[in-house]
Amino acid sequence: MATEQHAELIKTLHDCAAACNHCFDACLQEDDVKMMAQCIRLDRECADICTYLEHAITRNSPFVAELAKACGAICEACAEECSKHEHDHCKKCAEACAKCAEACRNVA
């Protein structure tokens, strides 16, 4: 079953989406929200694609490799953006996204 084969990826995707959602929410609380706009945007994109890929894997989608390629690219972009900021939530998000990007590349 694809779910068992990709169990570690599913956990990584879930953890990345959670980190992105936390970062998204925390960025909205920052004093200069406008400065965080790109971070917020990419947090949303990344959380959404990670959740979608997680669901696609669990339903044995024939497009897992293609989705993983897109997910890896989005996770990489989010990691890059979050790493530009000194906030703890951004640093943790960047780490989760970098880990997820690598996991997705291994599947793609």
PDB file of N, CA and C in Angstrom:
ATOM      1  N   MET A   1       0.839  -1.194   0.000  1.00  0.00           N
ATOM      2  CA  MET A   1       0.000   0.000   0.000  1.00  0.00           C
ATOM      3  C   MET A   1       0.882   1.256   0.000  1.00  0.00           C
ATOM      4  N   ALA A   2       0.499   2.239  -0.790  1.00  0.00           N
ATOM      5  CA  ALA A   2       1.291   3.465  -0.929  1.00  0.00           C
ATOM      6  C   ALA A   2       1.433   4.215   0.394  1.00  0.00           C
ATOM      7  N   THR A   3       0.414   4.149   1.222  1.00  0.00           N
ATOM      8  CA  THR A   3       0.456   4.854   2.496  1.00  0.00           C
ATOM      9  C   THR A   3       1.585   4.326   3.366  1.00  0.00           C
ATOM     10  N   GLU A   4       1.738   3.013   3.435  1.00  0.00           N
ATOM     11  CA  GLU A   4       2.822   2.420   4.225  1.00  0.00           C
ATOM     12  C   GLU A   4       4.177   2.747   3.619  1.00  0.00           C
ATOM     13  N   GLN A   5       4.268   2.708   2.318  1.00  0.00           N
ATOM     14  CA  GLN A   5       5.509   3.009   1.614  1.00  0.00           C
ATOM     15  C   GLN A   5       5.956   4.449   1.873  1.00  0.00           C
ATOM     16  N   HIS A   6       5.019   5.343   2.025  1.00  0.00           N
ATOM     17  CA  HIS A   6       5.320   6.761   2.185  1.00  0.00           C
ATOM     18  C   HIS A   6       5.021   7.276   3.596  1.00  0.00           C
ATOM     19  N   ALA A   7       5.049   6.403   4.587  1.00  0.00           N
ATOM     20  CA  ALA A   7       4.684   6.789   5.959  1.00  0.00           C
ATOM     21  C   ALA A   7       5.541   7.944   6.479  1.00  0.00           C
ATOM     22  N   GLU A   8       6.836   7.886   6.228  1.00  0.00           N
ATOM     23  CA  GLU A   8       7.724   8.953   6.721  1.00  0.00           C
ATOM     24  C   GLU A   8       7.434  10.273   5.996  1.00  0.00           C
ATOM     25  N   LEU A   9       7.181  10.199   4.700  1.00  0.00           N
ATOM     26  CA  LEU A   9       6.845  11.406   3.946  1.00  0.00           C
ATOM     27  C   LEU A   9       5.540  12.015   4.460  1.00  0.00           C
ATOM     28  N   ILE A  10       4.562  11.188   4.751  1.00  0.00           N
ATOM     29  CA  ILE A  10       3.278  11.682   5.270  1.00  0.00           C
ATOM     30  C   ILE A  10       3.499  12.441   6.570  1.00  0.00           C
ATOM     31  N   LYS A  11       4.325  11.908   7.450  1.00  0.00           N
ATOM     32  CA  LYS A  11       4.615  12.594   8.714  1.00  0.00           C
ATOM     33  C   LYS A  11       5.341  13.913   8.452  1.00  0.00           C
ATOM     34  N   THR A  12       6.303  13.899   7.541  1.00  0.00           N
ATOM     35  CA  THR A  12       7.052  15.110   7.215  1.00  0.00           C
ATOM     36  C   THR A  12       6.134  16.172   6.614  1.00  0.00           C
ATOM     37  N   LEU A  13       5.242  15.759   5.739  1.00  0.00           N
ATOM     38  CA  LEU A  13       4.278  16.688   5.141  1.00  0.00           C
ATOM     39  C   LEU A  13       3.373  17.292   6.211  1.00  0.00           C
ATOM     40  N   HIS A  14       2.900  16.444   7.110  1.00  0.00           N
ATOM     41  CA  HIS A  14       2.019  16.904   8.182  1.00  0.00           C
ATOM     42  C   HIS A  14       2.747  17.914   9.076  1.00  0.00           C
ATOM     43  N   ASP A  15       3.983  17.588   9.452  1.00  0.00           N
ATOM     44  CA  ASP A  15       4.779  18.487  10.300  1.00  0.00           C
ATOM     45  C   ASP A  15       5.068  19.814   9.601  1.00  0.00           C
ATOM     46  N   CYS A  16       5.333  19.758   8.309  1.00  0.00           N
ATOM     47  CA  CYS A  16       5.618  20.975   7.546  1.00  0.00           C
ATOM     48  C   CYS A  16       4.367  21.850   7.472  1.00  0.00           C
ATOM     49  N   ALA A  17       3.225  21.250   7.179  1.00  0.00           N
ATOM     50  CA  ALA A  17       1.980  22.026   7.114  1.00  0.00           C
ATOM     51  C   ALA A  17       1.684  22.681   8.461  1.00  0.00           C
ATOM     52  N   ALA A  18       1.910  21.951   9.546  1.00  0.00           N
ATOM     53  CA  ALA A  18       1.673  22.506  10.883  1.00  0.00           C
ATOM     54  C   ALA A  18       2.617  23.683  11.158  1.00  0.00           C
ATOM     55  N   ALA A  19       3.891  23.540  10.783  1.00  0.00           N
ATOM     56  CA  ALA A  19       4.858  24.630  10.982  1.00  0.00           C
ATOM     57  C   ALA A  19       4.486  25.849  10.147  1.00  0.00           C
ATOM     58  N   CYS A  20       4.042  25.615   8.922  1.00  0.00           N
ATOM     59  CA  CYS A  20       3.635  26.725   8.057  1.00  0.00           C
ATOM     60  C   CYS A  20       2.398  27.422   8.604  1.00  0.00           C
ATOM     61  N   ASN A  21       1.447  26.656   9.087  1.00  0.00           N
ATOM     62  CA  ASN A  21       0.243  27.263   9.661  1.00  0.00           C
ATOM     63  C   ASN A  21       0.574  28.081  10.901  1.00  0.00           C
ATOM     64  N   HIS A  22       1.483  27.572  11.719  1.00  0.00           N
ATOM     65  CA  HIS A  22       1.894  28.315  12.905  1.00  0.00           C
ATOM     66  C   HIS A  22       2.622  29.610  12.498  1.00  0.00           C
ATOM     67  N   CYS A  23       3.513  29.503  11.527  1.00  0.00           N
ATOM     68  CA  CYS A  23       4.263  30.668  11.054  1.00  0.00           C
ATOM     69  C   CYS A  23       3.307  31.697  10.454  1.00  0.00           C
ATOM     70  N   PHE A  24       2.379  31.243   9.648  1.00  0.00           N
ATOM     71  CA  PHE A  24       1.374  32.108   9.041  1.00  0.00           C
ATOM     72  C   PHE A  24       0.644  32.910  10.112  1.00  0.00           C
ATOM     73  N   ASP A  25       0.163  32.212  11.136  1.00  0.00           N
ATOM     74  CA  ASP A  25      -0.582  32.864  12.210  1.00  0.00           C
ATOM     75  C   ASP A  25       0.310  33.833  12.996  1.00  0.00           C
ATOM     76  N   ALA A  26       1.532  33.405  13.294  1.00  0.00           N
ATOM     77  CA  ALA A  26       2.453  34.258  14.052  1.00  0.00           C
ATOM     78  C   ALA A  26       2.858  35.490  13.241  1.00  0.00           C
ATOM     79  N   CYS A  27       3.058  35.329  11.938  1.00  0.00           N
ATOM     80  CA  CYS A  27       3.424  36.471  11.097  1.00  0.00           C
ATOM     81  C   CYS A  27       2.325  37.531  11.090  1.00  0.00           C
ATOM     82  N   LEU A  28       1.084  37.097  11.170  1.00  0.00           N
ATOM     83  CA  LEU A  28      -0.025  38.041  11.206  1.00  0.00           C
ATOM     84  C   LEU A  28      -0.036  38.875  12.481  1.00  0.00           C
ATOM     85  N   GLN A  29       0.677  38.398  13.507  1.00  0.00           N
ATOM     86  CA  GLN A  29       0.747  39.118  14.779  1.00  0.00           C
ATOM     87  C   GLN A  29       1.959  40.058  14.861  1.00  0.00           C
ATOM     88  N   GLU A  30       2.837  39.993  13.874  1.00  0.00           N
ATOM     89  CA  GLU A  30       4.035  40.837  13.889  1.00  0.00           C
ATOM     90  C   GLU A  30       3.663  42.309  13.698  1.00  0.00           C
ATOM     91  N   ASP A  31       4.518  43.198  14.207  1.00  0.00           N
ATOM     92  CA  ASP A  31       4.268  44.637  14.116  1.00  0.00           C
ATOM     93  C   ASP A  31       4.204  45.121  12.665  1.00  0.00           C
ATOM     94  N   ASP A  32       5.084  44.601  11.830  1.00  0.00           N
ATOM     95  CA  ASP A  32       5.136  45.021  10.429  1.00  0.00           C
ATOM     96  C   ASP A  32       4.623  43.872   9.552  1.00  0.00           C
ATOM     97  N   VAL A  33       3.326  43.704   9.522  1.00  0.00           N
ATOM     98  CA  VAL A  33       2.713  42.610   8.764  1.00  0.00           C
ATOM     99  C   VAL A  33       3.018  42.747   7.276  1.00  0.00           C
ATOM    100  N   LYS A  34       3.074  43.970   6.789  1.00  0.00           N
ATOM    101  CA  LYS A  34       3.347  44.192   5.365  1.00  0.00           C
ATOM    102  C   LYS A  34       4.709  43.606   4.975  1.00  0.00           C
ATOM    103  N   MET A  35       5.688  43.745   5.874  1.00  0.00           N
ATOM    104  CA  MET A  35       7.008  43.182   5.610  1.00  0.00           C
ATOM    105  C   MET A  35       6.958  41.645   5.545  1.00  0.00           C
ATOM    106  N   MET A  36       5.967  41.059   6.194  1.00  0.00           N
ATOM    107  CA  MET A  36       5.848  39.598   6.261  1.00  0.00           C
ATOM    108  C   MET A  36       4.936  39.035   5.169  1.00  0.00           C
ATOM    109  N   ALA A  37       4.465  39.869   4.269  1.00  0.00           N
ATOM    110  CA  ALA A  37       3.465  39.458   3.269  1.00  0.00           C
ATOM    111  C   ALA A  37       3.916  38.249   2.444  1.00  0.00           C
ATOM    112  N   GLN A  38       5.140  38.261   1.939  1.00  0.00           N
ATOM    113  CA  GLN A  38       5.613  37.144   1.117  1.00  0.00           C
ATOM    114  C   GLN A  38       5.742  35.875   1.958  1.00  0.00           C
ATOM    115  N   CYS A  39       6.176  36.020   3.187  1.00  0.00           N
ATOM    116  CA  CYS A  39       6.283  34.880   4.093  1.00  0.00           C
ATOM    117  C   CYS A  39       4.894  34.283   4.338  1.00  0.00           C
ATOM    118  N   ILE A  40       3.938  35.134   4.612  1.00  0.00           N
ATOM    119  CA  ILE A  40       2.564  34.689   4.849  1.00  0.00           C
ATOM    120  C   ILE A  40       2.017  33.980   3.616  1.00  0.00           C
ATOM    121  N   ARG A  41       2.225  34.573   2.461  1.00  0.00           N
ATOM    122  CA  ARG A  41       1.737  33.990   1.202  1.00  0.00           C
ATOM    123  C   ARG A  41       2.324  32.598   0.978  1.00  0.00           C
ATOM    124  N   LEU A  42       3.633  32.468   1.150  1.00  0.00           N
ATOM    125  CA  LEU A  42       4.276  31.176   0.929  1.00  0.00           C
ATOM    126  C   LEU A  42       3.926  30.160   2.009  1.00  0.00           C
ATOM    127  N   ASP A  43       3.725  30.623   3.242  1.00  0.00           N
ATOM    128  CA  ASP A  43       3.253  29.714   4.293  1.00  0.00           C
ATOM    129  C   ASP A  43       1.942  29.061   3.880  1.00  0.00           C
ATOM    130  N   ARG A  44       1.026  29.852   3.339  1.00  0.00           N
ATOM    131  CA  ARG A  44      -0.281  29.326   2.923  1.00  0.00           C
ATOM    132  C   ARG A  44      -0.121  28.350   1.763  1.00  0.00           C
ATOM    133  N   GLU A  45       0.660  28.739   0.763  1.00  0.00           N
ATOM    134  CA  GLU A  45       0.872  27.865  -0.400  1.00  0.00           C
ATOM    135  C   GLU A  45       1.474  26.536   0.042  1.00  0.00           C
ATOM    136  N   CYS A  46       2.466  26.619   0.907  1.00  0.00           N
ATOM    137  CA  CYS A  46       3.181  25.426   1.343  1.00  0.00           C
ATOM    138  C   CYS A  46       2.276  24.513   2.179  1.00  0.00           C
ATOM    139  N   ALA A  47       1.563  25.082   3.133  1.00  0.00           N
ATOM    140  CA  ALA A  47       0.654  24.273   3.955  1.00  0.00           C
ATOM    141  C   ALA A  47      -0.393  23.585   3.083  1.00  0.00           C
ATOM    142  N   ASP A  48      -0.917  24.312   2.114  1.00  0.00           N
ATOM    143  CA  ASP A  48      -1.948  23.743   1.242  1.00  0.00           C
ATOM    144  C   ASP A  48      -1.418  22.595   0.392  1.00  0.00           C
ATOM    145  N   ILE A  49      -0.254  22.764  -0.236  1.00  0.00           N
ATOM    146  CA  ILE A  49       0.271  21.696  -1.089  1.00  0.00           C
ATOM    147  C   ILE A  49       0.707  20.493  -0.262  1.00  0.00           C
ATOM    148  N   CYS A  50       1.256  20.736   0.926  1.00  0.00           N
ATOM    149  CA  CYS A  50       1.644  19.611   1.787  1.00  0.00           C
ATOM    150  C   CYS A  50       0.427  18.794   2.197  1.00  0.00           C
ATOM    151  N   THR A  51      -0.641  19.483   2.559  1.00  0.00           N
ATOM    152  CA  THR A  51      -1.875  18.794   2.944  1.00  0.00           C
ATOM    153  C   THR A  51      -2.460  18.056   1.750  1.00  0.00           C
ATOM    154  N   TYR A  52      -2.432  18.686   0.595  1.00  0.00           N
ATOM    155  CA  TYR A  52      -2.971  18.033  -0.601  1.00  0.00           C
ATOM    156  C   TYR A  52      -2.168  16.777  -0.953  1.00  0.00           C
ATOM    157  N   LEU A  53      -0.852  16.880  -0.907  1.00  0.00           N
ATOM    158  CA  LEU A  53      -0.018  15.718  -1.220  1.00  0.00           C
ATOM    159  C   LEU A  53      -0.240  14.610  -0.202  1.00  0.00           C
ATOM    160  N   GLU A  54      -0.367  14.965   1.061  1.00  0.00           N
ATOM    161  CA  GLU A  54      -0.656  13.965   2.094  1.00  0.00           C
ATOM    162  C   GLU A  54      -1.948  13.211   1.754  1.00  0.00           C
ATOM    163  N   HIS A  55      -2.968  13.939   1.363  1.00  0.00           N
ATOM    164  CA  HIS A  55      -4.239  13.313   0.990  1.00  0.00           C
ATOM    165  C   HIS A  55      -4.089  12.469  -0.275  1.00  0.00           C
ATOM    166  N   ALA A  56      -3.350  12.970  -1.246  1.00  0.00           N
ATOM    167  CA  ALA A  56      -3.155  12.230  -2.496  1.00  0.00           C
ATOM    168  C   ALA A  56      -2.460  10.893  -2.239  1.00  0.00           C
ATOM    169  N   ILE A  57      -1.493  10.895  -1.352  1.00  0.00           N
ATOM    170  CA  ILE A  57      -0.790   9.651  -1.022  1.00  0.00           C
ATOM    171  C   ILE A  57      -1.749   8.662  -0.376  1.00  0.00           C
ATOM    172  N   THR A  58      -2.549   9.143   0.565  1.00  0.00           N
ATOM    173  CA  THR A  58      -3.437   8.225   1.285  1.00  0.00           C
ATOM    174  C   THR A  58      -4.546   7.668   0.409  1.00  0.00           C
ATOM    175  N   ARG A  59      -4.845   8.331  -0.703  1.00  0.00           N
ATOM    176  CA  ARG A  59      -5.853   7.767  -1.614  1.00  0.00           C
ATOM    177  C   ARG A  59      -5.211   7.086  -2.821  1.00  0.00           C
ATOM    178  N   ASN A  60      -3.895   6.886  -2.733  1.00  0.00           N
ATOM    179  CA  ASN A  60      -3.149   6.150  -3.764  1.00  0.00           C
ATOM    180  C   ASN A  60      -3.257   6.814  -5.137  1.00  0.00           C
ATOM    181  N   SER A  61      -3.122   8.122  -5.171  1.00  0.00           N
ATOM    182  CA  SER A  61      -3.197   8.874  -6.416  1.00  0.00           C
ATOM    183  C   SER A  61      -2.072   8.458  -7.367  1.00  0.00           C
ATOM    184  N   PRO A  62      -2.370   8.391  -8.654  1.00  0.00           N
ATOM    185  CA  PRO A  62      -1.320   8.081  -9.631  1.00  0.00           C
ATOM    186  C   PRO A  62      -0.404   9.283  -9.897  1.00  0.00           C
ATOM    187  N   PHE A  63      -0.673  10.415  -9.279  1.00  0.00           N
ATOM    188  CA  PHE A  63       0.087  11.638  -9.519  1.00  0.00           C
ATOM    189  C   PHE A  63       1.002  12.027  -8.365  1.00  0.00           C
ATOM    190  N   VAL A  64       1.309  11.082  -7.492  1.00  0.00           N
ATOM    191  CA  VAL A  64       2.127  11.386  -6.313  1.00  0.00           C
ATOM    192  C   VAL A  64       3.483  11.968  -6.713  1.00  0.00           C
ATOM    193  N   ALA A  65       4.148  11.386  -7.677  1.00  0.00           N
ATOM    194  CA  ALA A  65       5.477  11.882  -8.073  1.00  0.00           C
ATOM    195  C   ALA A  65       5.403  13.315  -8.597  1.00  0.00           C
ATOM    196  N   GLU A  66       4.405  13.594  -9.427  1.00  0.00           N
ATOM    197  CA  GLU A  66       4.254  14.943  -9.980  1.00  0.00           C
ATOM    198  C   GLU A  66       3.923  15.955  -8.888  1.00  0.00           C
ATOM    199  N   LEU A  67       3.031  15.569  -7.989  1.00  0.00           N
ATOM    200  CA  LEU A  67       2.666  16.454  -6.881  1.00  0.00           C
ATOM    201  C   LEU A  67       3.843  16.667  -5.940  1.00  0.00           C
ATOM    202  N   ALA A  68       4.619  15.612  -5.722  1.00  0.00           N
ATOM    203  CA  ALA A  68       5.795  15.727  -4.848  1.00  0.00           C
ATOM    204  C   ALA A  68       6.814  16.694  -5.442  1.00  0.00           C
ATOM    205  N   LYS A  69       6.947  16.698  -6.753  1.00  0.00           N
ATOM    206  CA  LYS A  69       7.869  17.629  -7.411  1.00  0.00           C
ATOM    207  C   LYS A  69       7.425  19.074  -7.162  1.00  0.00           C
ATOM    208  N   ALA A  70       6.136  19.340  -7.355  1.00  0.00           N
ATOM    209  CA  ALA A  70       5.604  20.688  -7.109  1.00  0.00           C
ATOM    210  C   ALA A  70       5.715  21.046  -5.633  1.00  0.00           C
ATOM    211  N   CYS A  71       5.393  20.105  -4.779  1.00  0.00           N
ATOM    212  CA  CYS A  71       5.460  20.351  -3.337  1.00  0.00           C
ATOM    213  C   CYS A  71       6.893  20.680  -2.921  1.00  0.00           C
ATOM    214  N   GLY A  72       7.842  19.954  -3.443  1.00  0.00           N
ATOM    215  CA  GLY A  72       9.243  20.211  -3.119  1.00  0.00           C
ATOM    216  C   GLY A  72       9.673  21.615  -3.513  1.00  0.00           C
ATOM    217  N   ALA A  73       9.231  22.059  -4.673  1.00  0.00           N
ATOM    218  CA  ALA A  73       9.579  23.398  -5.141  1.00  0.00           C
ATOM    219  C   ALA A  73       8.962  24.478  -4.255  1.00  0.00           C
ATOM    220  N   ILE A  74       7.719  24.274  -3.857  1.00  0.00           N
ATOM    221  CA  ILE A  74       7.039  25.254  -2.998  1.00  0.00           C
ATOM    222  C   ILE A  74       7.653  25.253  -1.606  1.00  0.00           C
ATOM    223  N   CYS A  75       7.943  24.063  -1.070  1.00  0.00           N
ATOM    224  CA  CYS A  75       8.585  23.982   0.242  1.00  0.00           C
ATOM    225  C   CYS A  75       9.950  24.678   0.226  1.00  0.00           C
ATOM    226  N   GLU A  76      10.684  24.489  -0.849  1.00  0.00           N
ATOM    227  CA  GLU A  76      11.994  25.126  -0.977  1.00  0.00           C
ATOM    228  C   GLU A  76      11.859  26.648  -0.995  1.00  0.00           C
ATOM    229  N   ALA A  77      10.887  27.159  -1.732  1.00  0.00           N
ATOM    230  CA  ALA A  77      10.664  28.604  -1.791  1.00  0.00           C
ATOM    231  C   ALA A  77      10.251  29.143  -0.421  1.00  0.00           C
ATOM    232  N   CYS A  78       9.423  28.403   0.282  1.00  0.00           N
ATOM    233  CA  CYS A  78       8.984  28.839   1.610  1.00  0.00           C
ATOM    234  C   CYS A  78      10.159  28.819   2.590  1.00  0.00           C
ATOM    235  N   ALA A  79      10.971  27.782   2.519  1.00  0.00           N
ATOM    236  CA  ALA A  79      12.151  27.705   3.393  1.00  0.00           C
ATOM    237  C   ALA A  79      13.081  28.886   3.145  1.00  0.00           C
ATOM    238  N   GLU A  80      13.270  29.221   1.886  1.00  0.00           N
ATOM    239  CA  GLU A  80      14.150  30.333   1.522  1.00  0.00           C
ATOM    240  C   GLU A  80      13.608  31.654   2.072  1.00  0.00           C
ATOM    241  N   GLU A  81      12.305  31.870   1.912  1.00  0.00           N
ATOM    242  CA  GLU A  81      11.702  33.116   2.410  1.00  0.00           C
ATOM    243  C   GLU A  81      11.739  33.179   3.929  1.00  0.00           C
ATOM    244  N   CYS A  82      11.353  32.103   4.582  1.00  0.00           N
ATOM    245  CA  CYS A  82      11.322  32.107   6.052  1.00  0.00           C
ATOM    246  C   CYS A  82      12.720  32.293   6.646  1.00  0.00           C
ATOM    247  N   SER A  83      13.724  31.786   5.972  1.00  0.00           N
ATOM    248  CA  SER A  83      15.090  31.908   6.501  1.00  0.00           C
ATOM    249  C   SER A  83      15.603  33.349   6.457  1.00  0.00           C
ATOM    250  N   LYS A  84      14.917  34.221   5.746  1.00  0.00           N
ATOM    251  CA  LYS A  84      15.300  35.637   5.683  1.00  0.00           C
ATOM    252  C   LYS A  84      14.894  36.398   6.951  1.00  0.00           C
ATOM    253  N   HIS A  85      14.028  35.798   7.753  1.00  0.00           N
ATOM    254  CA  HIS A  85      13.482  36.477   8.927  1.00  0.00           C
ATOM    255  C   HIS A  85      14.069  35.907  10.209  1.00  0.00           C
ATOM    256  N   GLU A  86      14.209  36.754  11.203  1.00  0.00           N
ATOM    257  CA  GLU A  86      14.829  36.365  12.476  1.00  0.00           C
ATOM    258  C   GLU A  86      13.842  35.795  13.491  1.00  0.00           C
ATOM    259  N   HIS A  87      12.570  35.834  13.199  1.00  0.00           N
ATOM    260  CA  HIS A  87      11.567  35.334  14.139  1.00  0.00           C
ATOM    261  C   HIS A  87      11.737  33.832  14.341  1.00  0.00           C
ATOM    262  N   ASP A  88      11.559  33.388  15.570  1.00  0.00           N
ATOM    263  CA  ASP A  88      11.701  31.971  15.899  1.00  0.00           C
ATOM    264  C   ASP A  88      10.754  31.108  15.068  1.00  0.00           C
ATOM    265  N   HIS A  89       9.520  31.569  14.891  1.00  0.00           N
ATOM    266  CA  HIS A  89       8.547  30.783  14.120  1.00  0.00           C
ATOM    267  C   HIS A  89       8.973  30.652  12.665  1.00  0.00           C
ATOM    268  N   CYS A  90       9.620  31.671  12.128  1.00  0.00           N
ATOM    269  CA  CYS A  90      10.111  31.602  10.748  1.00  0.00           C
ATOM    270  C   CYS A  90      11.284  30.632  10.640  1.00  0.00           C
ATOM    271  N   LYS A  91      12.185  30.655  11.616  1.00  0.00           N
ATOM    272  CA  LYS A  91      13.331  29.744  11.596  1.00  0.00           C
ATOM    273  C   LYS A  91      12.864  28.296  11.670  1.00  0.00           C
ATOM    274  N   LYS A  92      11.900  28.011  12.555  1.00  0.00           N
ATOM    275  CA  LYS A  92      11.374  26.646  12.683  1.00  0.00           C
ATOM    276  C   LYS A  92      10.648  26.220  11.414  1.00  0.00           C
ATOM    277  N   CYS A  93       9.932  27.141  10.819  1.00  0.00           N
ATOM    278  CA  CYS A  93       9.231  26.852   9.571  1.00  0.00           C
ATOM    279  C   CYS A  93      10.228  26.567   8.450  1.00  0.00           C
ATOM    280  N   ALA A  94      11.282  27.364   8.376  1.00  0.00           N
ATOM    281  CA  ALA A  94      12.310  27.149   7.347  1.00  0.00           C
ATOM    282  C   ALA A  94      12.919  25.761   7.467  1.00  0.00           C
ATOM    283  N   GLU A  95      13.181  25.319   8.692  1.00  0.00           N
ATOM    284  CA  GLU A  95      13.739  23.975   8.913  1.00  0.00           C
ATOM    285  C   GLU A  95      12.774  22.897   8.459  1.00  0.00           C
ATOM    286  N   ALA A  96      11.498  23.029   8.841  1.00  0.00           N
ATOM    287  CA  ALA A  96      10.497  22.032   8.455  1.00  0.00           C
ATOM    288  C   ALA A  96      10.320  21.995   6.937  1.00  0.00           C
ATOM    289  N   CYS A  97      10.327  23.164   6.314  1.00  0.00           N
ATOM    290  CA  CYS A  97      10.155  23.229   4.859  1.00  0.00           C
ATOM    291  C   CYS A  97      11.354  22.633   4.121  1.00  0.00           C
ATOM    292  N   ALA A  98      12.552  22.901   4.600  1.00  0.00           N
ATOM    293  CA  ALA A  98      13.755  22.352   3.957  1.00  0.00           C
ATOM    294  C   ALA A  98      13.738  20.821   4.042  1.00  0.00           C
ATOM    295  N   LYS A  99      13.359  20.303   5.195  1.00  0.00           N
ATOM    296  CA  LYS A  99      13.273  18.852   5.386  1.00  0.00           C
ATOM    297  C   LYS A  99      12.223  18.259   4.460  1.00  0.00           C
ATOM    298  N   CYS A 100      11.100  18.923   4.345  1.00  0.00           N
ATOM    299  CA  CYS A 100      10.019  18.445   3.496  1.00  0.00           C
ATOM    300  C   CYS A 100      10.402  18.517   2.018  1.00  0.00           C
ATOM    301  N   ALA A 101      11.076  19.586   1.614  1.00  0.00           N
ATOM    302  CA  ALA A 101      11.514  19.713   0.223  1.00  0.00           C
ATOM    303  C   ALA A 101      12.407  18.551  -0.159  1.00  0.00           C
ATOM    304  N   GLU A 102      13.336  18.188   0.736  1.00  0.00           N
ATOM    305  CA  GLU A 102      14.224  17.064   0.463  1.00  0.00           C
ATOM    306  C   GLU A 102      13.441  15.751   0.370  1.00  0.00           C
ATOM    307  N   ALA A 103      12.514  15.545   1.281  1.00  0.00           N
ATOM    308  CA  ALA A 103      11.703  14.319   1.259  1.00  0.00           C
ATOM    309  C   ALA A 103      10.892  14.229  -0.029  1.00  0.00           C
ATOM    310  N   CYS A 104      10.354  15.359  -0.471  1.00  0.00           N
ATOM    311  CA  CYS A 104       9.574  15.370  -1.705  1.00  0.00           C
ATOM    312  C   CYS A 104      10.454  15.077  -2.915  1.00  0.00           C
ATOM    313  N   ARG A 105      11.653  15.636  -2.942  1.00  0.00           N
ATOM    314  CA  ARG A 105      12.569  15.362  -4.064  1.00  0.00           C
ATOM    315  C   ARG A 105      12.916  13.875  -4.140  1.00  0.00           C
ATOM    316  N   ASN A 106      13.008  13.219  -2.991  1.00  0.00           N
ATOM    317  CA  ASN A 106      13.311  11.784  -2.981  1.00  0.00           C
ATOM    318  C   ASN A 106      12.182  10.955  -3.585  1.00  0.00           C
ATOM    319  N   VAL A 107      10.961  11.447  -3.512  1.00  0.00           N
ATOM    320  CA  VAL A 107       9.808  10.740  -4.080  1.00  0.00           C
ATOM    321  C   VAL A 107       9.603  11.113  -5.539  1.00  0.00           C
ATOM    322  N   ALA A 108       9.855  12.370  -5.861  1.00  0.00           N
ATOM    323  CA  ALA A 108       9.641  12.849  -7.220  1.00  0.00           C
ATOM    324  C   ALA A 108      10.666  12.237  -8.153  1.00  0.00           C
TER     325      ALA A 108
END
